Amino acid sequence: MNLNLAATLVAVFALIGYVLMRIFLPTFNYERLLFLGSFALIAVFLMFMHRRQQRKKENAA
């Protein structure tokens, strides 16, 4: 799977999960932020890995 697509999917799933937690578990404020933050960090890491691979491909060509 392409890292760019994986990062996008992780970010979308994080937002969907955040909205669902906000609707069904309204008292868990810190847990929602922790959930969203952990998925956001994973998405950012995947985007950096994707950019790094692109630069390596450009430099090799």
PDB file of N, CA and C in Angstrom:
ATOM      1  N   MET A   1       0.845  -1.175   0.000  1.00  0.00           N
ATOM      2  CA  MET A   1       0.000   0.000   0.000  1.00  0.00           C
ATOM      3  C   MET A   1       0.891   1.239   0.000  1.00  0.00           C
ATOM      4  N   ASN A   2       0.465   2.225  -0.719  1.00  0.00           N
ATOM      5  CA  ASN A   2       1.186   3.482  -0.791  1.00  0.00           C
ATOM      6  C   ASN A   2       1.141   4.178   0.578  1.00  0.00           C
ATOM      7  N   LEU A   3       2.260   4.721   1.017  1.00  0.00           N
ATOM      8  CA  LEU A   3       2.315   5.371   2.329  1.00  0.00           C
ATOM      9  C   LEU A   3       1.417   6.597   2.396  1.00  0.00           C
ATOM     10  N   ASN A   4       1.286   7.300   1.280  1.00  0.00           N
ATOM     11  CA  ASN A   4       0.417   8.468   1.253  1.00  0.00           C
ATOM     12  C   ASN A   4      -1.036   8.054   1.489  1.00  0.00           C
ATOM     13  N   LEU A   5      -1.458   6.987   0.842  1.00  0.00           N
ATOM     14  CA  LEU A   5      -2.817   6.474   1.029  1.00  0.00           C
ATOM     15  C   LEU A   5      -3.013   5.963   2.457  1.00  0.00           C
ATOM     16  N   ALA A   6      -2.026   5.286   2.989  1.00  0.00           N
ATOM     17  CA  ALA A   6      -2.117   4.778   4.357  1.00  0.00           C
ATOM     18  C   ALA A   6      -2.251   5.919   5.363  1.00  0.00           C
ATOM     19  N   ALA A   7      -1.488   6.981   5.178  1.00  0.00           N
ATOM     20  CA  ALA A   7      -1.569   8.131   6.078  1.00  0.00           C
ATOM     21  C   ALA A   7      -2.938   8.791   6.002  1.00  0.00           C
ATOM     22  N   THR A   8      -3.478   8.896   4.804  1.00  0.00           N
ATOM     23  CA  THR A   8      -4.800   9.487   4.635  1.00  0.00           C
ATOM     24  C   THR A   8      -5.869   8.631   5.307  1.00  0.00           C
ATOM     25  N   LEU A   9      -5.776   7.310   5.125  1.00  0.00           N
ATOM     26  CA  LEU A   9      -6.749   6.419   5.750  1.00  0.00           C
ATOM     27  C   LEU A   9      -6.681   6.473   7.268  1.00  0.00           C
ATOM     28  N   VAL A  10      -5.480   6.529   7.817  1.00  0.00           N
ATOM     29  CA  VAL A  10      -5.325   6.614   9.274  1.00  0.00           C
ATOM     30  C   VAL A  10      -5.948   7.908   9.789  1.00  0.00           C
ATOM     31  N   ALA A  11      -5.720   9.015   9.084  1.00  0.00           N
ATOM     32  CA  ALA A  11      -6.289  10.293   9.510  1.00  0.00           C
ATOM     33  C   ALA A  11      -7.813  10.278   9.426  1.00  0.00           C
ATOM     34  N   VAL A  12      -8.359   9.691   8.371  1.00  0.00           N
ATOM     35  CA  VAL A  12      -9.812   9.617   8.222  1.00  0.00           C
ATOM     36  C   VAL A  12     -10.418   8.736   9.312  1.00  0.00           C
ATOM     37  N   PHE A  13      -9.806   7.582   9.572  1.00  0.00           N
ATOM     38  CA  PHE A  13     -10.312   6.705  10.632  1.00  0.00           C
ATOM     39  C   PHE A  13     -10.230   7.383  11.997  1.00  0.00           C
ATOM     40  N   ALA A  14      -9.193   8.185  12.213  1.00  0.00           N
ATOM     41  CA  ALA A  14      -9.075   8.907  13.479  1.00  0.00           C
ATOM     42  C   ALA A  14     -10.211   9.909  13.642  1.00  0.00           C
ATOM     43  N   LEU A  15     -10.532  10.626  12.580  1.00  0.00           N
ATOM     44  CA  LEU A  15     -11.621  11.599  12.670  1.00  0.00           C
ATOM     45  C   LEU A  15     -12.968  10.920  12.860  1.00  0.00           C
ATOM     46  N   ILE A  16     -13.186   9.808  12.165  1.00  0.00           N
ATOM     47  CA  ILE A  16     -14.436   9.062  12.342  1.00  0.00           C
ATOM     48  C   ILE A  16     -14.541   8.532  13.768  1.00  0.00           C
ATOM     49  N   GLY A  17     -13.466   7.975  14.272  1.00  0.00           N
ATOM     50  CA  GLY A  17     -13.461   7.480  15.646  1.00  0.00           C
ATOM     51  C   GLY A  17     -13.682   8.586  16.659  1.00  0.00           C
ATOM     52  N   TYR A  18     -13.084   9.748  16.414  1.00  0.00           N
ATOM     53  CA  TYR A  18     -13.266  10.884  17.312  1.00  0.00           C
ATOM     54  C   TYR A  18     -14.727  11.314  17.354  1.00  0.00           C
ATOM     55  N   VAL A  19     -15.358  11.399  16.179  1.00  0.00           N
ATOM     56  CA  VAL A  19     -16.768  11.799  16.121  1.00  0.00           C
ATOM     57  C   VAL A  19     -17.649  10.763  16.824  1.00  0.00           C
ATOM     58  N   LEU A  20     -17.372   9.488  16.587  1.00  0.00           N
ATOM     59  CA  LEU A  20     -18.160   8.446  17.250  1.00  0.00           C
ATOM     60  C   LEU A  20     -17.982   8.484  18.771  1.00  0.00           C
ATOM     61  N   MET A  21     -16.757   8.730  19.223  1.00  0.00           N
ATOM     62  CA  MET A  21     -16.524   8.830  20.667  1.00  0.00           C
ATOM     63  C   MET A  21     -17.206  10.067  21.235  1.00  0.00           C
ATOM     64  N   ARG A  22     -17.237  11.134  20.462  1.00  0.00           N
ATOM     65  CA  ARG A  22     -17.899  12.356  20.923  1.00  0.00           C
ATOM     66  C   ARG A  22     -19.403  12.152  21.066  1.00  0.00           C
ATOM     67  N   ILE A  23     -19.994  11.371  20.171  1.00  0.00           N
ATOM     68  CA  ILE A  23     -21.437  11.123  20.220  1.00  0.00           C
ATOM     69  C   ILE A  23     -21.785  10.125  21.319  1.00  0.00           C
ATOM     70  N   PHE A  24     -21.075   8.989  21.361  1.00  0.00           N
ATOM     71  CA  PHE A  24     -21.455   7.900  22.259  1.00  0.00           C
ATOM     72  C   PHE A  24     -20.797   7.958  23.635  1.00  0.00           C
ATOM     73  N   LEU A  25     -19.676   8.629  23.757  1.00  0.00           N
ATOM     74  CA  LEU A  25     -18.975   8.729  25.043  1.00  0.00           C
ATOM     75  C   LEU A  25     -18.637  10.189  25.343  1.00  0.00           C
ATOM     76  N   PRO A  26     -19.619  11.018  25.622  1.00  0.00           N
ATOM     77  CA  PRO A  26     -19.356  12.465  25.755  1.00  0.00           C
ATOM     78  C   PRO A  26     -18.548  12.842  27.002  1.00  0.00           C
ATOM     79  N   THR A  27     -18.436  11.955  27.974  1.00  0.00           N
ATOM     80  CA  THR A  27     -17.718  12.328  29.200  1.00  0.00           C
ATOM     81  C   THR A  27     -16.218  12.057  29.118  1.00  0.00           C
ATOM     82  N   PHE A  28     -15.766  11.349  28.103  1.00  0.00           N
ATOM     83  CA  PHE A  28     -14.351  10.991  27.983  1.00  0.00           C
ATOM     84  C   PHE A  28     -13.595  12.046  27.174  1.00  0.00           C
ATOM     85  N   ASN A  29     -13.311  13.184  27.794  1.00  0.00           N
ATOM     86  CA  ASN A  29     -12.656  14.275  27.070  1.00  0.00           C
ATOM     87  C   ASN A  29     -11.193  13.970  26.780  1.00  0.00           C
ATOM     88  N   TYR A  30     -10.435  13.569  27.793  1.00  0.00           N
ATOM     89  CA  TYR A  30      -9.011  13.316  27.611  1.00  0.00           C
ATOM     90  C   TYR A  30      -8.767  12.084  26.748  1.00  0.00           C
ATOM     91  N   GLU A  31      -9.630  11.104  26.879  1.00  0.00           N
ATOM     92  CA  GLU A  31      -9.479   9.891  26.077  1.00  0.00           C
ATOM     93  C   GLU A  31      -9.680  10.184  24.596  1.00  0.00           C
ATOM     94  N   ARG A  32     -10.633  11.065  24.293  1.00  0.00           N
ATOM     95  CA  ARG A  32     -10.858  11.455  22.885  1.00  0.00           C
ATOM     96  C   ARG A  32      -9.628  12.144  22.319  1.00  0.00           C
ATOM     97  N   LEU A  33      -9.062  13.056  23.071  1.00  0.00           N
ATOM     98  CA  LEU A  33      -7.871  13.765  22.600  1.00  0.00           C
ATOM     99  C   LEU A  33      -6.691  12.831  22.453  1.00  0.00           C
ATOM    100  N   LEU A  34      -6.549  11.902  23.367  1.00  0.00           N
ATOM    101  CA  LEU A  34      -5.473  10.921  23.273  1.00  0.00           C
ATOM    102  C   LEU A  34      -5.657  10.039  22.041  1.00  0.00           C
ATOM    103  N   PHE A  35      -6.884   9.619  21.788  1.00  0.00           N
ATOM    104  CA  PHE A  35      -7.202   8.803  20.614  1.00  0.00           C
ATOM    105  C   PHE A  35      -6.860   9.551  19.329  1.00  0.00           C
ATOM    106  N   LEU A  36      -7.337  10.782  19.218  1.00  0.00           N
ATOM    107  CA  LEU A  36      -7.089  11.568  18.021  1.00  0.00           C
ATOM    108  C   LEU A  36      -5.608  11.889  17.864  1.00  0.00           C
ATOM    109  N   GLY A  37      -4.945  12.213  18.963  1.00  0.00           N
ATOM    110  CA  GLY A  37      -3.529  12.544  18.908  1.00  0.00           C
ATOM    111  C   GLY A  37      -2.663  11.373  18.496  1.00  0.00           C
ATOM    112  N   SER A  38      -2.980  10.185  18.982  1.00  0.00           N
ATOM    113  CA  SER A  38      -2.166   9.029  18.627  1.00  0.00           C
ATOM    114  C   SER A  38      -2.304   8.699  17.143  1.00  0.00           C
ATOM    115  N   PHE A  39      -3.521   8.757  16.622  1.00  0.00           N
ATOM    116  CA  PHE A  39      -3.696   8.504  15.197  1.00  0.00           C
ATOM    117  C   PHE A  39      -3.085   9.616  14.350  1.00  0.00           C
ATOM    118  N   ALA A  40      -3.145  10.845  14.824  1.00  0.00           N
ATOM    119  CA  ALA A  40      -2.545  11.950  14.082  1.00  0.00           C
ATOM    120  C   ALA A  40      -1.021  11.794  14.011  1.00  0.00           C
ATOM    121  N   LEU A  41      -0.404  11.359  15.106  1.00  0.00           N
ATOM    122  CA  LEU A  41       1.044  11.144  15.087  1.00  0.00           C
ATOM    123  C   LEU A  41       1.431  10.033  14.109  1.00  0.00           C
ATOM    124  N   ILE A  42       0.641   8.973  14.067  1.00  0.00           N
ATOM    125  CA  ILE A  42       0.913   7.897  13.118  1.00  0.00           C
ATOM    126  C   ILE A  42       0.788   8.411  11.689  1.00  0.00           C
ATOM    127  N   ALA A  43      -0.241   9.205  11.410  1.00  0.00           N
ATOM    128  CA  ALA A  43      -0.442   9.745  10.062  1.00  0.00           C
ATOM    129  C   ALA A  43       0.708  10.672   9.658  1.00  0.00           C
ATOM    130  N   VAL A  44       1.147  11.505  10.580  1.00  0.00           N
ATOM    131  CA  VAL A  44       2.267  12.415  10.274  1.00  0.00           C
ATOM    132  C   VAL A  44       3.541  11.618  10.020  1.00  0.00           C
ATOM    133  N   PHE A  45       3.794  10.601  10.810  1.00  0.00           N
ATOM    134  CA  PHE A  45       4.962   9.749  10.608  1.00  0.00           C
ATOM    135  C   PHE A  45       4.918   9.084   9.229  1.00  0.00           C
ATOM    136  N   LEU A  46       3.768   8.576   8.832  1.00  0.00           N
ATOM    137  CA  LEU A  46       3.640   7.950   7.514  1.00  0.00           C
ATOM    138  C   LEU A  46       3.859   8.955   6.387  1.00  0.00           C
ATOM    139  N   MET A  47       3.374  10.181   6.562  1.00  0.00           N
ATOM    140  CA  MET A  47       3.585  11.206   5.532  1.00  0.00           C
ATOM    141  C   MET A  47       5.072  11.551   5.411  1.00  0.00           C
ATOM    142  N   PHE A  48       5.785  11.653   6.527  1.00  0.00           N
ATOM    143  CA  PHE A  48       7.223  11.924   6.464  1.00  0.00           C
ATOM    144  C   PHE A  48       7.972  10.779   5.787  1.00  0.00           C
ATOM    145  N   MET A  49       7.567   9.550   6.070  1.00  0.00           N
ATOM    146  CA  MET A  49       8.202   8.403   5.411  1.00  0.00           C
ATOM    147  C   MET A  49       7.935   8.435   3.906  1.00  0.00           C
ATOM    148  N   HIS A  50       6.745   8.820   3.514  1.00  0.00           N
ATOM    149  CA  HIS A  50       6.406   8.914   2.089  1.00  0.00           C
ATOM    150  C   HIS A  50       7.267   9.977   1.403  1.00  0.00           C
ATOM    151  N   ARG A  51       7.395  11.132   2.034  1.00  0.00           N
ATOM    152  CA  ARG A  51       8.217  12.198   1.444  1.00  0.00           C
ATOM    153  C   ARG A  51       9.684  11.783   1.351  1.00  0.00           C
ATOM    154  N   ARG A  52      10.160  11.070   2.364  1.00  0.00           N
ATOM    155  CA  ARG A  52      11.551  10.609   2.355  1.00  0.00           C
ATOM    156  C   ARG A  52      11.797   9.643   1.195  1.00  0.00           C
ATOM    157  N   GLN A  53      10.844   8.738   0.967  1.00  0.00           N
ATOM    158  CA  GLN A  53      10.980   7.796  -0.145  1.00  0.00           C
ATOM    159  C   GLN A  53      10.934   8.520  -1.486  1.00  0.00           C
ATOM    160  N   GLN A  54      10.095   9.542  -1.599  1.00  0.00           N
ATOM    161  CA  GLN A  54      10.029  10.305  -2.847  1.00  0.00           C
ATOM    162  C   GLN A  54      11.356  11.001  -3.131  1.00  0.00           C
ATOM    163  N   ARG A  55      11.963  11.606  -2.101  1.00  0.00           N
ATOM    164  CA  ARG A  55      13.242  12.288  -2.292  1.00  0.00           C
ATOM    165  C   ARG A  55      14.335  11.313  -2.709  1.00  0.00           C
ATOM    166  N   LYS A  56      14.334  10.119  -2.122  1.00  0.00           N
ATOM    167  CA  LYS A  56      15.335   9.114  -2.477  1.00  0.00           C
ATOM    168  C   LYS A  56      15.168   8.699  -3.937  1.00  0.00           C
ATOM    169  N   LYS A  57      13.922   8.540  -4.397  1.00  0.00           N
ATOM    170  CA  LYS A  57      13.678   8.177  -5.788  1.00  0.00           C
ATOM    171  C   LYS A  57      14.125   9.273  -6.748  1.00  0.00           C
ATOM    172  N   GLU A  58      13.867  10.543  -6.358  1.00  0.00           N
ATOM    173  CA  GLU A  58      14.277  11.656  -7.208  1.00  0.00           C
ATOM    174  C   GLU A  58      15.786  11.793  -7.286  1.00  0.00           C
ATOM    175  N   ASN A  59      16.466  11.582  -6.158  1.00  0.00           N
ATOM    176  CA  ASN A  59      17.925  11.683  -6.146  1.00  0.00           C
ATOM    177  C   ASN A  59      18.586  10.529  -6.896  1.00  0.00           C
ATOM    178  N   ALA A  60      17.942   9.377  -6.887  1.00  0.00           N
ATOM    179  CA  ALA A  60      18.514   8.225  -7.593  1.00  0.00           C
ATOM    180  C   ALA A  60      18.377   8.361  -9.106  1.00  0.00           C
ATOM    181  N   ALA A  61      17.376   9.099  -9.543  1.00  0.00           N
ATOM    182  CA  ALA A  61      17.147   9.230 -10.993  1.00  0.00           C
ATOM    183  C   ALA A  61      17.994  10.307 -11.625  1.00  0.00           C
TER     184      ALA A  61
END
